[in-house]
């Protein structure tokens, strides 16, 4: 286990009372609860930073293709014929 350091913080009385009750409910200490909270925030920030840097260095382009490289699709011949047939019946 890496060495740990002490930290002094200042909080309002009602916050400290809540923290003591919450720590007891969780079966831990206020010190451990605050340390775990800070460690989780550090992990989240690190994960966000890694994801952001990966996005910034992604070499793929998110811009539209130039018109010369645009793929034009048309309906299949069977679908094109089906669309040109005259409508019959009551709804026509």
PDB file of N, CA and C in Angstrom:
ATOM      1  N   UNK A   1       0.847  -1.177   0.000  1.00  0.00           N
ATOM      2  CA  UNK A   1       0.000   0.000   0.000  1.00  0.00           C
ATOM      3  C   UNK A   1       0.893   1.240   0.000  1.00  0.00           C
ATOM      4  N   UNK A   2       0.604   2.194  -0.893  1.00  0.00           N
ATOM      5  CA  UNK A   2       1.449   3.398  -0.943  1.00  0.00           C
ATOM      6  C   UNK A   2       1.267   4.244   0.322  1.00  0.00           C
ATOM      7  N   UNK A   3       2.285   5.014   0.654  1.00  0.00           N
ATOM      8  CA  UNK A   3       2.157   5.856   1.849  1.00  0.00           C
ATOM      9  C   UNK A   3       1.040   6.885   1.662  1.00  0.00           C
ATOM     10  N   UNK A   4       0.360   7.202   2.746  1.00  0.00           N
ATOM     11  CA  UNK A   4      -0.733   8.165   2.695  1.00  0.00           C
ATOM     12  C   UNK A   4      -0.346   9.419   3.458  1.00  0.00           C
ATOM     13  N   UNK A   5      -0.955  10.510   3.081  1.00  0.00           N
ATOM     14  CA  UNK A   5      -0.684  11.804   3.720  1.00  0.00           C
ATOM     15  C   UNK A   5      -1.947  12.286   4.407  1.00  0.00           C
ATOM     16  N   UNK A   6      -1.774  13.103   5.426  1.00  0.00           N
ATOM     17  CA  UNK A   6      -2.898  13.716   6.115  1.00  0.00           C
ATOM     18  C   UNK A   6      -3.342  14.957   5.375  1.00  0.00           C
ATOM     19  N   UNK A   7      -4.626  15.261   5.501  1.00  0.00           N
ATOM     20  CA  UNK A   7      -5.215  16.439   4.866  1.00  0.00           C
ATOM     21  C   UNK A   7      -6.163  17.076   5.860  1.00  0.00           C
ATOM     22  N   UNK A   8      -6.060  18.366   6.053  1.00  0.00           N
ATOM     23  CA  UNK A   8      -6.973  19.083   6.935  1.00  0.00           C
ATOM     24  C   UNK A   8      -7.947  19.857   6.063  1.00  0.00           C
ATOM     25  N   UNK A   9      -9.233  19.672   6.325  1.00  0.00           N
ATOM     26  CA  UNK A   9     -10.246  20.413   5.567  1.00  0.00           C
ATOM     27  C   UNK A   9     -11.135  21.176   6.539  1.00  0.00           C
ATOM     28  N   UNK A  10     -11.811  22.178   6.038  1.00  0.00           N
ATOM     29  CA  UNK A  10     -12.733  22.971   6.835  1.00  0.00           C
ATOM     30  C   UNK A  10     -14.126  22.833   6.233  1.00  0.00           C
ATOM     31  N   UNK A  11     -15.071  22.421   7.060  1.00  0.00           N
ATOM     32  CA  UNK A  11     -16.462  22.263   6.613  1.00  0.00           C
ATOM     33  C   UNK A  11     -17.389  22.827   7.675  1.00  0.00           C
ATOM     34  N   UNK A  12     -18.607  23.120   7.259  1.00  0.00           N
ATOM     35  CA  UNK A  12     -19.624  23.579   8.208  1.00  0.00           C
ATOM     36  C   UNK A  12     -19.996  22.442   9.154  1.00  0.00           C
ATOM     37  N   UNK A  13     -20.503  22.810  10.316  1.00  0.00           N
ATOM     38  CA  UNK A  13     -20.880  21.806  11.316  1.00  0.00           C
ATOM     39  C   UNK A  13     -21.914  20.820  10.780  1.00  0.00           C
ATOM     40  N   UNK A  14     -22.905  21.320  10.059  1.00  0.00           N
ATOM     41  CA  UNK A  14     -23.945  20.415   9.551  1.00  0.00           C
ATOM     42  C   UNK A  14     -23.388  19.446   8.504  1.00  0.00           C
ATOM     43  N   UNK A  15     -22.400  19.870   7.734  1.00  0.00           N
ATOM     44  CA  UNK A  15     -21.763  18.988   6.755  1.00  0.00           C
ATOM     45  C   UNK A  15     -20.968  17.903   7.478  1.00  0.00           C
ATOM     46  N   UNK A  16     -20.248  18.287   8.512  1.00  0.00           N
ATOM     47  CA  UNK A  16     -19.470  17.306   9.282  1.00  0.00           C
ATOM     48  C   UNK A  16     -20.392  16.301   9.967  1.00  0.00           C
ATOM     49  N   UNK A  17     -21.504  16.775  10.502  1.00  0.00           N
ATOM     50  CA  UNK A  17     -22.458  15.870  11.138  1.00  0.00           C
ATOM     51  C   UNK A  17     -22.995  14.872  10.118  1.00  0.00           C
ATOM     52  N   UNK A  18     -23.380  15.363   8.945  1.00  0.00           N
ATOM     53  CA  UNK A  18     -23.866  14.460   7.892  1.00  0.00           C
ATOM     54  C   UNK A  18     -22.781  13.449   7.513  1.00  0.00           C
ATOM     55  N   UNK A  19     -21.534  13.919   7.346  1.00  0.00           N
ATOM     56  CA  UNK A  19     -20.433  13.038   6.939  1.00  0.00           C
ATOM     57  C   UNK A  19     -20.200  11.944   7.979  1.00  0.00           C
ATOM     58  N   UNK A  20     -20.259  12.287   9.254  1.00  0.00           N
ATOM     59  CA  UNK A  20     -20.067  11.278  10.303  1.00  0.00           C
ATOM     60  C   UNK A  20     -21.173  10.217  10.268  1.00  0.00           C
ATOM     61  N   UNK A  21     -22.399  10.659  10.111  1.00  0.00           N
ATOM     62  CA  UNK A  21     -23.532   9.723  10.042  1.00  0.00           C
ATOM     63  C   UNK A  21     -23.427   8.853   8.801  1.00  0.00           C
ATOM     64  N   UNK A  22     -23.110   9.466   7.665  1.00  0.00           N
ATOM     65  CA  UNK A  22     -22.994   8.716   6.401  1.00  0.00           C
ATOM     66  C   UNK A  22     -21.845   7.717   6.464  1.00  0.00           C
ATOM     67  N   UNK A  23     -20.729   8.109   7.030  1.00  0.00           N
ATOM     68  CA  UNK A  23     -19.592   7.186   7.167  1.00  0.00           C
ATOM     69  C   UNK A  23     -19.965   6.009   8.062  1.00  0.00           C
ATOM     70  N   UNK A  24     -20.664   6.272   9.170  1.00  0.00           N
ATOM     71  CA  UNK A  24     -21.087   5.191  10.065  1.00  0.00           C
ATOM     72  C   UNK A  24     -22.062   4.260   9.341  1.00  0.00           C
ATOM     73  N   UNK A  25     -22.969   4.845   8.570  1.00  0.00           N
ATOM     74  CA  UNK A  25     -23.927   4.034   7.820  1.00  0.00           C
ATOM     75  C   UNK A  25     -23.218   3.121   6.826  1.00  0.00           C
ATOM     76  N   UNK A  26     -22.132   3.619   6.238  1.00  0.00           N
ATOM     77  CA  UNK A  26     -21.364   2.839   5.258  1.00  0.00           C
ATOM     78  C   UNK A  26     -20.319   1.927   5.907  1.00  0.00           C
ATOM     79  N   UNK A  27     -20.154   2.045   7.196  1.00  0.00           N
ATOM     80  CA  UNK A  27     -19.168   1.214   7.886  1.00  0.00           C
ATOM     81  C   UNK A  27     -17.738   1.631   7.607  1.00  0.00           C
ATOM     82  N   UNK A  28     -17.500   2.914   7.498  1.00  0.00           N
ATOM     83  CA  UNK A  28     -16.157   3.427   7.213  1.00  0.00           C
ATOM     84  C   UNK A  28     -15.929   4.691   8.038  1.00  0.00           C
ATOM     85  N   UNK A  29     -14.828   5.361   7.806  1.00  0.00           N
ATOM     86  CA  UNK A  29     -14.536   6.616   8.502  1.00  0.00           C
ATOM     87  C   UNK A  29     -14.761   7.789   7.549  1.00  0.00           C
ATOM     88  N   UNK A  30     -14.893   8.966   8.149  1.00  0.00           N
ATOM     89  CA  UNK A  30     -15.024  10.170   7.323  1.00  0.00           C
ATOM     90  C   UNK A  30     -13.771  10.340   6.476  1.00  0.00           C
ATOM     91  N   UNK A  31     -12.625  10.084   7.075  1.00  0.00           N
ATOM     92  CA  UNK A  31     -11.366  10.214   6.349  1.00  0.00           C
ATOM     93  C   UNK A  31     -11.332   9.288   5.134  1.00  0.00           C
ATOM     94  N   UNK A  32     -11.705   8.024   5.328  1.00  0.00           N
ATOM     95  CA  UNK A  32     -11.704   7.053   4.225  1.00  0.00           C
ATOM     96  C   UNK A  32     -12.736   7.451   3.161  1.00  0.00           C
ATOM     97  N   UNK A  33     -13.897   7.903   3.609  1.00  0.00           N
ATOM     98  CA  UNK A  33     -14.960   8.281   2.681  1.00  0.00           C
ATOM     99  C   UNK A  33     -14.516   9.462   1.804  1.00  0.00           C
ATOM    100  N   UNK A  34     -13.895  10.451   2.404  1.00  0.00           N
ATOM    101  CA  UNK A  34     -13.410  11.608   1.640  1.00  0.00           C
ATOM    102  C   UNK A  34     -12.279  11.186   0.704  1.00  0.00           C
ATOM    103  N   UNK A  35     -11.376  10.356   1.198  1.00  0.00           N
ATOM    104  CA  UNK A  35     -10.276   9.868   0.352  1.00  0.00           C
ATOM    105  C   UNK A  35     -10.780   9.070  -0.837  1.00  0.00           C
ATOM    106  N   UNK A  36     -11.773   8.178  -0.593  1.00  0.00           N
ATOM    107  CA  UNK A  36     -12.352   7.400  -1.689  1.00  0.00           C
ATOM    108  C   UNK A  36     -13.050   8.299  -2.712  1.00  0.00           C
ATOM    109  N   UNK A  37     -13.759   9.317  -2.205  1.00  0.00           N
ATOM    110  CA  UNK A  37     -14.429  10.267  -3.088  1.00  0.00           C
ATOM    111  C   UNK A  37     -13.414  10.983  -3.983  1.00  0.00           C
ATOM    112  N   UNK A  38     -12.328  11.442  -3.398  1.00  0.00           N
ATOM    113  CA  UNK A  38     -11.312  12.159  -4.171  1.00  0.00           C
ATOM    114  C   UNK A  38     -10.637  11.236  -5.184  1.00  0.00           C
ATOM    115  N   UNK A  39     -10.382   9.991  -4.791  1.00  0.00           N
ATOM    116  CA  UNK A  39      -9.767   9.028  -5.713  1.00  0.00           C
ATOM    117  C   UNK A  39     -10.692   8.743  -6.899  1.00  0.00           C
ATOM    118  N   UNK A  40     -11.991   8.618  -6.631  1.00  0.00           N
ATOM    119  CA  UNK A  40     -12.961   8.382  -7.710  1.00  0.00           C
ATOM    120  C   UNK A  40     -13.022   9.574  -8.663  1.00  0.00           C
ATOM    121  N   UNK A  41     -13.007  10.766  -8.108  1.00  0.00           N
ATOM    122  CA  UNK A  41     -13.008  11.965  -8.959  1.00  0.00           C
ATOM    123  C   UNK A  41     -11.753  12.015  -9.822  1.00  0.00           C
ATOM    124  N   UNK A  42     -10.615  11.639  -9.264  1.00  0.00           N
ATOM    125  CA  UNK A  42      -9.367  11.611 -10.016  1.00  0.00           C
ATOM    126  C   UNK A  42      -9.462  10.612 -11.171  1.00  0.00           C
ATOM    127  N   UNK A  43     -10.006   9.409 -10.906  1.00  0.00           N
ATOM    128  CA  UNK A  43     -10.154   8.392 -11.957  1.00  0.00           C
ATOM    129  C   UNK A  43     -11.081   8.883 -13.073  1.00  0.00           C
ATOM    130  N   UNK A  44     -12.170   9.528 -12.694  1.00  0.00           N
ATOM    131  CA  UNK A  44     -13.107  10.035 -13.703  1.00  0.00           C
ATOM    132  C   UNK A  44     -12.459  11.113 -14.565  1.00  0.00           C
ATOM    133  N   UNK A  45     -11.753  12.029 -13.922  1.00  0.00           N
ATOM    134  CA  UNK A  45     -11.086  13.100 -14.669  1.00  0.00           C
ATOM    135  C   UNK A  45     -10.023  12.523 -15.605  1.00  0.00           C
ATOM    136  N   UNK A  46      -9.255  11.539 -15.107  1.00  0.00           N
ATOM    137  CA  UNK A  46      -8.232  10.912 -15.942  1.00  0.00           C
ATOM    138  C   UNK A  46      -8.866  10.208 -17.139  1.00  0.00           C
ATOM    139  N   UNK A  47      -9.968   9.501 -16.920  1.00  0.00           N
ATOM    140  CA  UNK A  47     -10.651   8.798 -18.008  1.00  0.00           C
ATOM    141  C   UNK A  47     -11.189   9.796 -19.022  1.00  0.00           C
ATOM    142  N   UNK A  48     -11.755  10.900 -18.548  1.00  0.00           N
ATOM    143  CA  UNK A  48     -12.267  11.928 -19.450  1.00  0.00           C
ATOM    144  C   UNK A  48     -11.121  12.526 -20.266  1.00  0.00           C
ATOM    145  N   UNK A  49     -10.030  12.836 -19.608  1.00  0.00           N
ATOM    146  CA  UNK A  49      -8.879  13.433 -20.298  1.00  0.00           C
ATOM    147  C   UNK A  49      -8.338  12.483 -21.365  1.00  0.00           C
ATOM    148  N   UNK A  50      -8.234  11.188 -21.041  1.00  0.00           N
ATOM    149  CA  UNK A  50      -7.756  10.209 -22.025  1.00  0.00           C
ATOM    150  C   UNK A  50      -8.708  10.132 -23.218  1.00  0.00           C
ATOM    151  N   UNK A  51     -10.003  10.115 -22.959  1.00  0.00           N
ATOM    152  CA  UNK A  51     -10.984  10.045 -24.044  1.00  0.00           C
ATOM    153  C   UNK A  51     -10.930  11.303 -24.905  1.00  0.00           C
ATOM    154  N   UNK A  52     -10.794  12.454 -24.267  1.00  0.00           N
ATOM    155  CA  UNK A  52     -10.720  13.715 -25.008  1.00  0.00           C
ATOM    156  C   UNK A  52      -9.470  13.748 -25.886  1.00  0.00           C
ATOM    157  N   UNK A  53      -8.335  13.356 -25.331  1.00  0.00           N
ATOM    158  CA  UNK A  53      -7.100  13.361 -26.123  1.00  0.00           C
ATOM    159  C   UNK A  53      -7.177  12.356 -27.266  1.00  0.00           C
ATOM    160  N   UNK A  54      -7.797  11.215 -27.036  1.00  0.00           N
ATOM    161  CA  UNK A  54      -7.961  10.234 -28.111  1.00  0.00           C
ATOM    162  C   UNK A  54      -8.824  10.815 -29.221  1.00  0.00           C
ATOM    163  N   UNK A  55      -9.880  11.527 -28.848  1.00  0.00           N
ATOM    164  CA  UNK A  55     -10.746  12.153 -29.850  1.00  0.00           C
ATOM    165  C   UNK A  55      -9.992  13.241 -30.619  1.00  0.00           C
ATOM    166  N   UNK A  56      -9.213  14.056 -29.901  1.00  0.00           N
ATOM    167  CA  UNK A  56      -8.488  15.158 -30.552  1.00  0.00           C
ATOM    168  C   UNK A  56      -7.420  14.647 -31.512  1.00  0.00           C
ATOM    169  N   UNK A  57      -6.836  13.488 -31.221  1.00  0.00           N
ATOM    170  CA  UNK A  57      -5.759  12.972 -32.066  1.00  0.00           C
ATOM    171  C   UNK A  57      -6.264  11.959 -33.089  1.00  0.00           C
ATOM    172  N   UNK A  58      -7.566  11.732 -33.144  1.00  0.00           N
ATOM    173  CA  UNK A  58      -8.134  10.795 -34.110  1.00  0.00           C
ATOM    174  C   UNK A  58      -7.929  11.376 -35.507  1.00  0.00           C
ATOM    175  N   UNK A  59      -7.316  10.611 -36.371  1.00  0.00           N
ATOM    176  CA  UNK A  59      -6.983  11.112 -37.707  1.00  0.00           C
ATOM    177  C   UNK A  59      -8.140  11.017 -38.685  1.00  0.00           C
ATOM    178  N   UNK A  60      -9.195  10.314 -38.310  1.00  0.00           N
ATOM    179  CA  UNK A  60     -10.346  10.246 -39.206  1.00  0.00           C
ATOM    180  C   UNK A  60     -10.981  11.616 -39.308  1.00  0.00           C
ATOM    181  N   UNK A  61     -11.523  11.916 -40.469  1.00  0.00           N
ATOM    182  CA  UNK A  61     -12.169  13.203 -40.680  1.00  0.00           C
ATOM    183  C   UNK A  61     -13.663  13.063 -40.435  1.00  0.00           C
ATOM    184  N   UNK A  62     -14.223  14.008 -39.729  1.00  0.00           N
ATOM    185  CA  UNK A  62     -15.656  13.999 -39.471  1.00  0.00           C
ATOM    186  C   UNK A  62     -16.367  14.931 -40.447  1.00  0.00           C
ATOM    187  N   UNK A  63     -15.662  15.419 -41.481  1.00  0.00           N
ATOM    188  CA  UNK A  63     -16.273  16.299 -42.462  1.00  0.00           C
ATOM    189  C   UNK A  63     -16.902  15.466 -43.568  1.00  0.00           C
ATOM    190  N   UNK A  64     -17.831  16.102 -44.284  1.00  0.00           N
ATOM    191  CA  UNK A  64     -18.492  15.423 -45.398  1.00  0.00           C
ATOM    192  C   UNK A  64     -17.484  15.170 -46.513  1.00  0.00           C
ATOM    193  N   UNK A  65     -17.715  14.120 -47.277  1.00  0.00           N
ATOM    194  CA  UNK A  65     -16.857  13.825 -48.421  1.00  0.00           C
ATOM    195  C   UNK A  65     -17.054  14.872 -49.503  1.00  0.00           C
ATOM    196  N   UNK A  66     -16.006  15.168 -50.291  1.00  0.00           N
ATOM    197  CA  UNK A  66     -16.178  16.083 -51.418  1.00  0.00           C
ATOM    198  C   UNK A  66     -17.183  15.485 -52.413  1.00  0.00           C
ATOM    199  N   UNK A  67     -17.806  16.326 -53.223  1.00  0.00           N
ATOM    200  CA  UNK A  67     -18.843  15.890 -54.151  1.00  0.00           C
ATOM    201  C   UNK A  67     -18.341  14.799 -55.089  1.00  0.00           C
ATOM    202  N   UNK A  68     -17.077  14.822 -55.479  1.00  0.00           N
ATOM    203  CA  UNK A  68     -16.553  13.822 -56.409  1.00  0.00           C
ATOM    204  C   UNK A  68     -16.481  12.437 -55.779  1.00  0.00           C
ATOM    205  N   UNK A  69     -16.464  12.365 -54.451  1.00  0.00           N
ATOM    206  CA  UNK A  69     -16.363  11.079 -53.779  1.00  0.00           C
ATOM    207  C   UNK A  69     -17.692  10.647 -53.154  1.00  0.00           C
ATOM    208  N   UNK A  70     -18.740  11.415 -53.361  1.00  0.00           N
ATOM    209  CA  UNK A  70     -20.030  11.071 -52.788  1.00  0.00           C
ATOM    210  C   UNK A  70     -20.601   9.857 -53.501  1.00  0.00           C
ATOM    211  N   UNK A  71     -21.103   8.930 -52.754  1.00  0.00           N
ATOM    212  CA  UNK A  71     -21.689   7.718 -53.321  1.00  0.00           C
ATOM    213  C   UNK A  71     -23.165   7.985 -53.582  1.00  0.00           C
ATOM    214  N   UNK A  72     -23.576   7.777 -54.824  1.00  0.00           N
ATOM    215  CA  UNK A  72     -24.976   7.976 -55.190  1.00  0.00           C
ATOM    216  C   UNK A  72     -25.608   6.603 -55.330  1.00  0.00           C
ATOM    217  N   UNK A  73     -26.704   6.401 -54.646  1.00  0.00           N
ATOM    218  CA  UNK A  73     -27.394   5.120 -54.722  1.00  0.00           C
ATOM    219  C   UNK A  73     -28.761   5.328 -55.351  1.00  0.00           C
ATOM    220  N   UNK A  74     -29.153   4.352 -56.145  1.00  0.00           N
ATOM    221  CA  UNK A  74     -30.490   4.402 -56.719  1.00  0.00           C
ATOM    222  C   UNK A  74     -31.219   3.125 -56.321  1.00  0.00           C
ATOM    223  N   UNK A  75     -32.497   3.141 -56.482  1.00  0.00           N
ATOM    224  CA  UNK A  75     -33.287   1.970 -56.147  1.00  0.00           C
ATOM    225  C   UNK A  75     -32.916   0.824 -57.062  1.00  0.00           C
ATOM    226  N   UNK A  76     -33.056  -0.389 -56.563  1.00  0.00           N
ATOM    227  CA  UNK A  76     -32.782  -1.554 -57.404  1.00  0.00           C
ATOM    228  C   UNK A  76     -33.796  -1.579 -58.556  1.00  0.00           C
ATOM    229  N   UNK A  77     -33.466  -2.215 -59.696  1.00  0.00           N
ATOM    230  CA  UNK A  77     -34.391  -2.255 -60.835  1.00  0.00           C
ATOM    231  C   UNK A  77     -35.760  -2.806 -60.447  1.00  0.00           C
ATOM    232  N   UNK A  78     -35.794  -3.807 -59.589  1.00  0.00           N
ATOM    233  CA  UNK A  78     -37.074  -4.381 -59.185  1.00  0.00           C
ATOM    234  C   UNK A  78     -37.899  -3.363 -58.405  1.00  0.00           C
ATOM    235  N   UNK A  79     -37.263  -2.616 -57.542  1.00  0.00           N
ATOM    236  CA  UNK A  79     -37.981  -1.608 -56.754  1.00  0.00           C
ATOM    237  C   UNK A  79     -38.402  -0.444 -57.627  1.00  0.00           C
ATOM    238  N   UNK A  80     -37.561  -0.086 -58.601  1.00  0.00           N
ATOM    239  CA  UNK A  80     -37.908   1.016 -59.496  1.00  0.00           C
ATOM    240  C   UNK A  80     -39.144   0.670 -60.305  1.00  0.00           C
ATOM    241  N   UNK A  81     -39.233  -0.570 -60.806  1.00  0.00           N
ATOM    242  CA  UNK A  81     -40.415  -1.003 -61.569  1.00  0.00           C
ATOM    243  C   UNK A  81     -41.645  -1.023 -60.687  1.00  0.00           C
ATOM    244  N   UNK A  82     -41.487  -1.478 -59.465  1.00  0.00           N
ATOM    245  CA  UNK A  82     -42.628  -1.552 -58.544  1.00  0.00           C
ATOM    246  C   UNK A  82     -43.185  -0.170 -58.264  1.00  0.00           C
ATOM    247  N   UNK A  83     -42.322   0.816 -58.189  1.00  0.00           N
ATOM    248  CA  UNK A  83     -42.768   2.158 -57.922  1.00  0.00           C
ATOM    249  C   UNK A  83     -43.478   2.805 -59.081  1.00  0.00           C
ATOM    250  N   UNK A  84     -43.272   2.329 -60.313  1.00  0.00           N
ATOM    251  CA  UNK A  84     -43.870   2.922 -61.511  1.00  0.00           C
ATOM    252  C   UNK A  84     -45.183   2.265 -61.898  1.00  0.00           C
ATOM    253  N   UNK A  85     -45.579   1.188 -61.232  1.00  0.00           N
ATOM    254  CA  UNK A  85     -46.805   0.509 -61.593  1.00  0.00           C
ATOM    255  C   UNK A  85     -48.004   1.353 -61.199  1.00  0.00           C
ATOM    256  N   UNK A  86     -49.033   1.405 -62.060  1.00  0.00           N
ATOM    257  CA  UNK A  86     -50.211   2.200 -61.723  1.00  0.00           C
ATOM    258  C   UNK A  86     -50.966   1.562 -60.574  1.00  0.00           C
ATOM    259  N   UNK A  87     -51.547   2.407 -59.761  1.00  0.00           N
ATOM    260  CA  UNK A  87     -52.306   1.913 -58.624  1.00  0.00           C
ATOM    261  C   UNK A  87     -53.679   1.440 -59.113  1.00  0.00           C
ATOM    262  N   UNK A  88     -54.131   0.355 -58.536  1.00  0.00           N
ATOM    263  CA  UNK A  88     -55.455  -0.156 -58.878  1.00  0.00           C
ATOM    264  C   UNK A  88     -56.227  -0.418 -57.613  1.00  0.00           C
ATOM    265  N   UNK A  89     -57.508  -0.543 -57.726  1.00  0.00           N
ATOM    266  CA  UNK A  89     -58.338  -0.878 -56.585  1.00  0.00           C
ATOM    267  C   UNK A  89     -59.043   0.342 -56.051  1.00  0.00           C
ATOM    268  N   UNK A  90     -59.651   0.201 -54.883  1.00  0.00           N
ATOM    269  CA  UNK A  90     -60.473   1.252 -54.292  1.00  0.00           C
ATOM    270  C   UNK A  90     -59.680   2.468 -53.866  1.00  0.00           C
ATOM    271  N   UNK A  91     -58.437   2.278 -53.478  1.00  0.00           N
ATOM    272  CA  UNK A  91     -57.634   3.403 -52.998  1.00  0.00           C
ATOM    273  C   UNK A  91     -56.987   4.195 -54.100  1.00  0.00           C
ATOM    274  N   UNK A  92     -57.130   3.795 -55.389  1.00  0.00           N
ATOM    275  CA  UNK A  92     -56.436   4.451 -56.498  1.00  0.00           C
ATOM    276  C   UNK A  92     -57.098   5.720 -56.910  1.00  0.00           C
TER     277      UNK A  92
END
